[in-house]
Amino acid sequence: MPRFVTIGYGDQAGYDRTPRPVRDAAHEQDAKLRAEGALMGIAGTPVQVRNPDAAQLETRDGPFMSSALPIAGFALIEAADLAEAIEKVSRVPCAVAHGVVEVWPLKE
């Protein structure tokens, strides 16, 4: 089955202004995705890694890119196609709590 990487963006303010029943249903959707085998996690502090010509390892604290909302978490999900992946993540916390979820198809 095709796999997709999802990146959830959101902040506490958006989460807090989302009605509790909507948030609860979103957490239930997360639990359902986990039960289906999704690997999910909350984003920690990133480190950039570079190794030009495999000759000089360089690291730098912080993200490579920035966005208006912080990255909240990541997931690896399976779905029959992109449309099903979108449907699955359309009800997770970042999607419903005034954030956004990116869906990246993994090409194997």
N, C-alpha and C. Protein backbone atom coordinates (compact mmCIF):
# COMPACT_ATOMS: atom_id res chain seq x y z
N MET A 1 0.86 -1.18 0.00
CA MET A 1 0.00 0.00 0.00
C MET A 1 0.90 1.24 0.00
N PRO A 2 0.52 2.28 -0.73
CA PRO A 2 1.32 3.51 -0.75
C PRO A 2 1.42 4.13 0.64
N ARG A 3 2.58 4.77 0.87
CA ARG A 3 2.82 5.45 2.15
C ARG A 3 2.96 6.95 1.91
N PHE A 4 2.63 7.71 2.95
CA PHE A 4 2.65 9.16 2.89
C PHE A 4 3.26 9.70 4.18
N VAL A 5 4.11 10.71 4.05
CA VAL A 5 4.62 11.43 5.21
C VAL A 5 3.73 12.65 5.39
N THR A 6 3.29 12.87 6.60
CA THR A 6 2.49 14.06 6.88
C THR A 6 3.24 14.94 7.87
N ILE A 7 3.12 16.22 7.67
CA ILE A 7 3.73 17.21 8.55
C ILE A 7 2.60 18.12 9.03
N GLY A 8 2.40 18.12 10.33
CA GLY A 8 1.35 18.95 10.92
C GLY A 8 1.92 20.23 11.49
N TYR A 9 1.30 21.34 11.16
CA TYR A 9 1.69 22.65 11.66
C TYR A 9 0.54 23.19 12.50
N GLY A 10 0.85 23.75 13.64
CA GLY A 10 -0.19 24.34 14.47
C GLY A 10 0.41 24.94 15.72
N ASP A 11 -0.39 25.75 16.39
CA ASP A 11 0.08 26.36 17.63
C ASP A 11 -0.98 26.20 18.71
N GLN A 12 -0.57 26.48 19.92
CA GLN A 12 -1.45 26.32 21.07
C GLN A 12 -2.68 27.22 20.98
N ALA A 13 -2.50 28.44 20.45
CA ALA A 13 -3.63 29.37 20.36
C ALA A 13 -4.74 28.81 19.47
N GLY A 14 -4.37 28.24 18.33
CA GLY A 14 -5.36 27.64 17.44
C GLY A 14 -6.04 26.45 18.08
N TYR A 15 -5.25 25.65 18.77
CA TYR A 15 -5.78 24.49 19.47
C TYR A 15 -6.78 24.93 20.54
N ASP A 16 -6.39 25.92 21.32
CA ASP A 16 -7.23 26.38 22.43
C ASP A 16 -8.56 26.97 21.96
N ARG A 17 -8.59 27.58 20.78
CA ARG A 17 -9.85 28.18 20.34
C ARG A 17 -10.74 27.21 19.57
N THR A 18 -10.28 25.98 19.42
CA THR A 18 -11.09 24.94 18.78
C THR A 18 -12.00 24.30 19.82
N PRO A 19 -13.28 24.17 19.53
CA PRO A 19 -14.20 23.58 20.52
C PRO A 19 -13.73 22.19 20.98
N ARG A 20 -13.89 21.92 22.26
CA ARG A 20 -13.43 20.66 22.84
C ARG A 20 -13.97 19.43 22.09
N PRO A 21 -15.25 19.37 21.71
CA PRO A 21 -15.72 18.18 21.00
C PRO A 21 -14.98 17.96 19.67
N VAL A 22 -14.62 19.03 18.99
CA VAL A 22 -13.87 18.92 17.73
C VAL A 22 -12.46 18.40 18.02
N ARG A 23 -11.84 18.93 19.06
CA ARG A 23 -10.49 18.45 19.45
C ARG A 23 -10.54 16.98 19.86
N ASP A 24 -11.53 16.62 20.64
CA ASP A 24 -11.64 15.22 21.09
C ASP A 24 -11.80 14.28 19.89
N ALA A 25 -12.63 14.67 18.94
CA ALA A 25 -12.81 13.84 17.74
C ALA A 25 -11.51 13.76 16.94
N ALA A 26 -10.76 14.84 16.91
CA ALA A 26 -9.48 14.84 16.19
C ALA A 26 -8.48 13.89 16.86
N HIS A 27 -8.45 13.87 18.18
CA HIS A 27 -7.57 12.94 18.89
C HIS A 27 -8.02 11.49 18.67
N GLU A 28 -9.32 11.28 18.56
CA GLU A 28 -9.83 9.95 18.23
C GLU A 28 -9.35 9.53 16.84
N GLN A 29 -9.31 10.48 15.89
CA GLN A 29 -8.80 10.17 14.55
C GLN A 29 -7.32 9.80 14.61
N ASP A 30 -6.54 10.52 15.42
CA ASP A 30 -5.13 10.15 15.62
C ASP A 30 -5.03 8.71 16.14
N ALA A 31 -5.86 8.37 17.13
CA ALA A 31 -5.83 7.02 17.70
C ALA A 31 -6.19 5.98 16.65
N LYS A 32 -7.15 6.31 15.79
CA LYS A 32 -7.54 5.39 14.72
C LYS A 32 -6.38 5.19 13.75
N LEU A 33 -5.70 6.27 13.38
CA LEU A 33 -4.56 6.14 12.47
C LEU A 33 -3.46 5.30 13.10
N ARG A 34 -3.20 5.50 14.39
CA ARG A 34 -2.19 4.67 15.09
C ARG A 34 -2.61 3.20 15.07
N ALA A 35 -3.89 2.93 15.30
CA ALA A 35 -4.38 1.55 15.29
C ALA A 35 -4.22 0.92 13.91
N GLU A 36 -4.25 1.74 12.87
CA GLU A 36 -4.04 1.25 11.50
C GLU A 36 -2.56 1.09 11.17
N GLY A 37 -1.69 1.45 12.12
CA GLY A 37 -0.26 1.27 11.91
C GLY A 37 0.53 2.53 11.62
N ALA A 38 -0.12 3.69 11.70
CA ALA A 38 0.60 4.94 11.45
C ALA A 38 1.66 5.16 12.53
N LEU A 39 2.81 5.64 12.12
CA LEU A 39 3.84 6.06 13.06
C LEU A 39 3.68 7.56 13.23
N MET A 40 3.48 8.01 14.46
CA MET A 40 3.22 9.42 14.71
C MET A 40 4.11 9.92 15.83
N GLY A 41 4.46 11.19 15.75
CA GLY A 41 5.24 11.77 16.82
C GLY A 41 5.17 13.28 16.84
N ILE A 42 5.40 13.84 18.01
CA ILE A 42 5.45 15.28 18.18
C ILE A 42 6.85 15.75 17.78
N ALA A 43 6.92 16.87 17.11
CA ALA A 43 8.21 17.38 16.63
C ALA A 43 9.06 17.87 17.79
N GLY A 44 10.31 17.46 17.78
CA GLY A 44 11.29 17.96 18.72
C GLY A 44 12.09 19.08 18.06
N THR A 45 13.22 19.42 18.64
CA THR A 45 14.07 20.47 18.10
C THR A 45 14.92 19.90 16.97
N PRO A 46 14.87 20.49 15.78
CA PRO A 46 15.61 19.93 14.64
C PRO A 46 17.09 20.31 14.63
N VAL A 47 17.84 19.52 13.91
CA VAL A 47 19.25 19.78 13.64
C VAL A 47 19.45 19.60 12.14
N GLN A 48 20.08 20.57 11.50
CA GLN A 48 20.42 20.47 10.08
C GLN A 48 21.73 19.69 9.96
N VAL A 49 21.81 18.80 8.98
CA VAL A 49 23.02 18.02 8.74
C VAL A 49 23.44 18.20 7.29
N ARG A 50 24.70 18.56 7.11
CA ARG A 50 25.29 18.67 5.77
C ARG A 50 26.62 17.93 5.80
N ASN A 51 26.98 17.36 4.65
CA ASN A 51 28.26 16.67 4.52
C ASN A 51 28.71 16.79 3.07
N PRO A 52 29.12 17.99 2.63
CA PRO A 52 29.48 18.22 1.23
C PRO A 52 30.58 17.26 0.77
N ASP A 53 30.31 16.57 -0.31
CA ASP A 53 31.24 15.60 -0.91
C ASP A 53 31.66 14.52 0.08
N ALA A 54 30.83 14.27 1.09
CA ALA A 54 31.13 13.28 2.13
C ALA A 54 32.48 13.56 2.78
N ALA A 55 32.85 14.83 2.88
CA ALA A 55 34.18 15.18 3.37
C ALA A 55 34.18 16.10 4.59
N GLN A 56 33.05 16.74 4.88
CA GLN A 56 33.06 17.71 5.97
C GLN A 56 31.68 17.78 6.60
N LEU A 57 31.52 17.04 7.69
CA LEU A 57 30.24 17.02 8.39
C LEU A 57 30.01 18.36 9.06
N GLU A 58 28.84 18.94 8.79
CA GLU A 58 28.44 20.20 9.40
C GLU A 58 27.06 20.02 10.01
N THR A 59 26.86 20.55 11.20
CA THR A 59 25.53 20.55 11.81
C THR A 59 25.21 21.96 12.27
N ARG A 60 23.94 22.25 12.28
CA ARG A 60 23.47 23.56 12.72
C ARG A 60 22.13 23.35 13.42
N ASP A 61 21.98 23.92 14.59
CA ASP A 61 20.71 23.81 15.31
C ASP A 61 19.63 24.62 14.59
N GLY A 62 18.43 24.07 14.62
CA GLY A 62 17.28 24.79 14.07
C GLY A 62 16.82 24.25 12.74
N PRO A 63 15.65 24.66 12.34
CA PRO A 63 15.08 24.18 11.07
C PRO A 63 15.73 24.84 9.86
N PHE A 64 15.69 24.15 8.75
CA PHE A 64 16.19 24.68 7.49
C PHE A 64 15.21 25.71 6.94
N MET A 65 13.92 25.42 7.09
CA MET A 65 12.88 26.32 6.58
C MET A 65 12.05 26.82 7.75
N SER A 66 11.31 27.88 7.52
CA SER A 66 10.41 28.39 8.54
C SER A 66 9.02 28.58 7.94
N SER A 67 8.03 28.63 8.82
CA SER A 67 6.66 28.85 8.37
C SER A 67 5.96 29.72 9.41
N ALA A 68 4.78 30.18 9.05
CA ALA A 68 4.01 31.02 9.95
C ALA A 68 3.61 30.26 11.21
N LEU A 69 3.36 28.97 11.09
CA LEU A 69 3.02 28.13 12.24
C LEU A 69 4.17 27.17 12.51
N PRO A 70 4.41 26.85 13.76
CA PRO A 70 5.47 25.88 14.05
C PRO A 70 5.05 24.47 13.65
N ILE A 71 6.05 23.63 13.36
CA ILE A 71 5.77 22.22 13.09
C ILE A 71 5.37 21.58 14.42
N ALA A 72 4.25 20.90 14.41
CA ALA A 72 3.75 20.26 15.62
C ALA A 72 4.10 18.78 15.65
N GLY A 73 4.09 18.12 14.49
CA GLY A 73 4.38 16.70 14.49
C GLY A 73 4.43 16.11 13.11
N PHE A 74 4.76 14.82 13.08
CA PHE A 74 4.93 14.08 11.84
C PHE A 74 4.20 12.76 11.94
N ALA A 75 3.85 12.20 10.80
CA ALA A 75 3.28 10.85 10.78
C ALA A 75 3.66 10.19 9.46
N LEU A 76 3.75 8.89 9.51
CA LEU A 76 3.90 8.06 8.32
C LEU A 76 2.65 7.20 8.27
N ILE A 77 1.83 7.41 7.24
CA ILE A 77 0.55 6.70 7.14
C ILE A 77 0.52 5.91 5.84
N GLU A 78 -0.38 4.95 5.77
CA GLU A 78 -0.66 4.21 4.55
C GLU A 78 -2.06 4.55 4.09
N ALA A 79 -2.21 4.65 2.78
CA ALA A 79 -3.52 4.92 2.19
C ALA A 79 -3.50 4.38 0.76
N ALA A 80 -4.66 4.08 0.23
CA ALA A 80 -4.76 3.54 -1.13
C ALA A 80 -4.24 4.53 -2.17
N ASP A 81 -4.45 5.82 -1.90
CA ASP A 81 -4.01 6.85 -2.84
C ASP A 81 -3.98 8.20 -2.11
N LEU A 82 -3.58 9.24 -2.83
CA LEU A 82 -3.46 10.57 -2.23
C LEU A 82 -4.81 11.06 -1.69
N ALA A 83 -5.89 10.79 -2.42
CA ALA A 83 -7.20 11.24 -1.97
C ALA A 83 -7.57 10.62 -0.62
N GLU A 84 -7.27 9.34 -0.45
CA GLU A 84 -7.57 8.69 0.83
C GLU A 84 -6.66 9.22 1.94
N ALA A 85 -5.40 9.48 1.62
CA ALA A 85 -4.49 10.05 2.62
C ALA A 85 -4.99 11.41 3.08
N ILE A 86 -5.42 12.23 2.14
CA ILE A 86 -5.97 13.55 2.48
C ILE A 86 -7.19 13.41 3.37
N GLU A 87 -8.07 12.48 3.03
CA GLU A 87 -9.28 12.27 3.82
C GLU A 87 -8.91 11.86 5.24
N LYS A 88 -7.92 10.97 5.38
CA LYS A 88 -7.52 10.49 6.70
C LYS A 88 -6.99 11.61 7.58
N VAL A 89 -6.21 12.51 7.03
CA VAL A 89 -5.61 13.56 7.86
C VAL A 89 -6.48 14.81 7.97
N SER A 90 -7.57 14.84 7.25
CA SER A 90 -8.42 16.03 7.27
C SER A 90 -9.12 16.25 8.61
N ARG A 91 -9.08 15.23 9.48
CA ARG A 91 -9.77 15.34 10.77
C ARG A 91 -8.81 15.19 11.96
N VAL A 92 -7.49 15.32 11.74
CA VAL A 92 -6.53 15.24 12.84
C VAL A 92 -6.40 16.61 13.50
N PRO A 93 -5.80 16.68 14.69
CA PRO A 93 -5.76 17.95 15.42
C PRO A 93 -5.23 19.15 14.63
N CYS A 94 -4.10 19.01 13.94
CA CYS A 94 -3.58 20.19 13.24
C CYS A 94 -4.53 20.68 12.15
N ALA A 95 -5.22 19.77 11.48
CA ALA A 95 -6.12 20.17 10.40
C ALA A 95 -7.35 20.90 10.93
N VAL A 96 -7.87 20.46 12.08
CA VAL A 96 -9.12 21.05 12.57
C VAL A 96 -8.90 22.19 13.55
N ALA A 97 -7.69 22.33 14.10
CA ALA A 97 -7.43 23.33 15.13
C ALA A 97 -6.68 24.53 14.56
N HIS A 98 -7.13 24.98 13.38
CA HIS A 98 -6.61 26.21 12.76
C HIS A 98 -5.15 26.09 12.34
N GLY A 99 -4.71 24.87 12.07
CA GLY A 99 -3.37 24.63 11.55
C GLY A 99 -3.46 24.11 10.13
N VAL A 100 -2.48 23.34 9.74
CA VAL A 100 -2.45 22.77 8.40
C VAL A 100 -1.66 21.48 8.46
N VAL A 101 -1.97 20.55 7.56
CA VAL A 101 -1.22 19.30 7.44
C VAL A 101 -0.78 19.15 5.99
N GLU A 102 0.52 18.98 5.80
CA GLU A 102 1.04 18.67 4.46
C GLU A 102 1.06 17.15 4.31
N VAL A 103 0.75 16.69 3.10
CA VAL A 103 0.79 15.25 2.80
C VAL A 103 1.78 15.06 1.66
N TRP A 104 2.83 14.28 1.93
CA TRP A 104 3.90 14.03 0.95
C TRP A 104 3.88 12.56 0.55
N PRO A 105 3.54 12.24 -0.70
CA PRO A 105 3.63 10.85 -1.14
C PRO A 105 5.08 10.39 -1.13
N LEU A 106 5.30 9.18 -0.62
CA LEU A 106 6.64 8.58 -0.67
C LEU A 106 6.74 7.75 -1.94
N LYS A 107 7.70 8.06 -2.76
CA LYS A 107 7.91 7.30 -3.98
C LYS A 107 8.97 6.25 -3.68
N GLU A 108 8.64 5.00 -3.98
CA GLU A 108 9.57 3.92 -3.66
C GLU A 108 10.19 3.35 -4.92
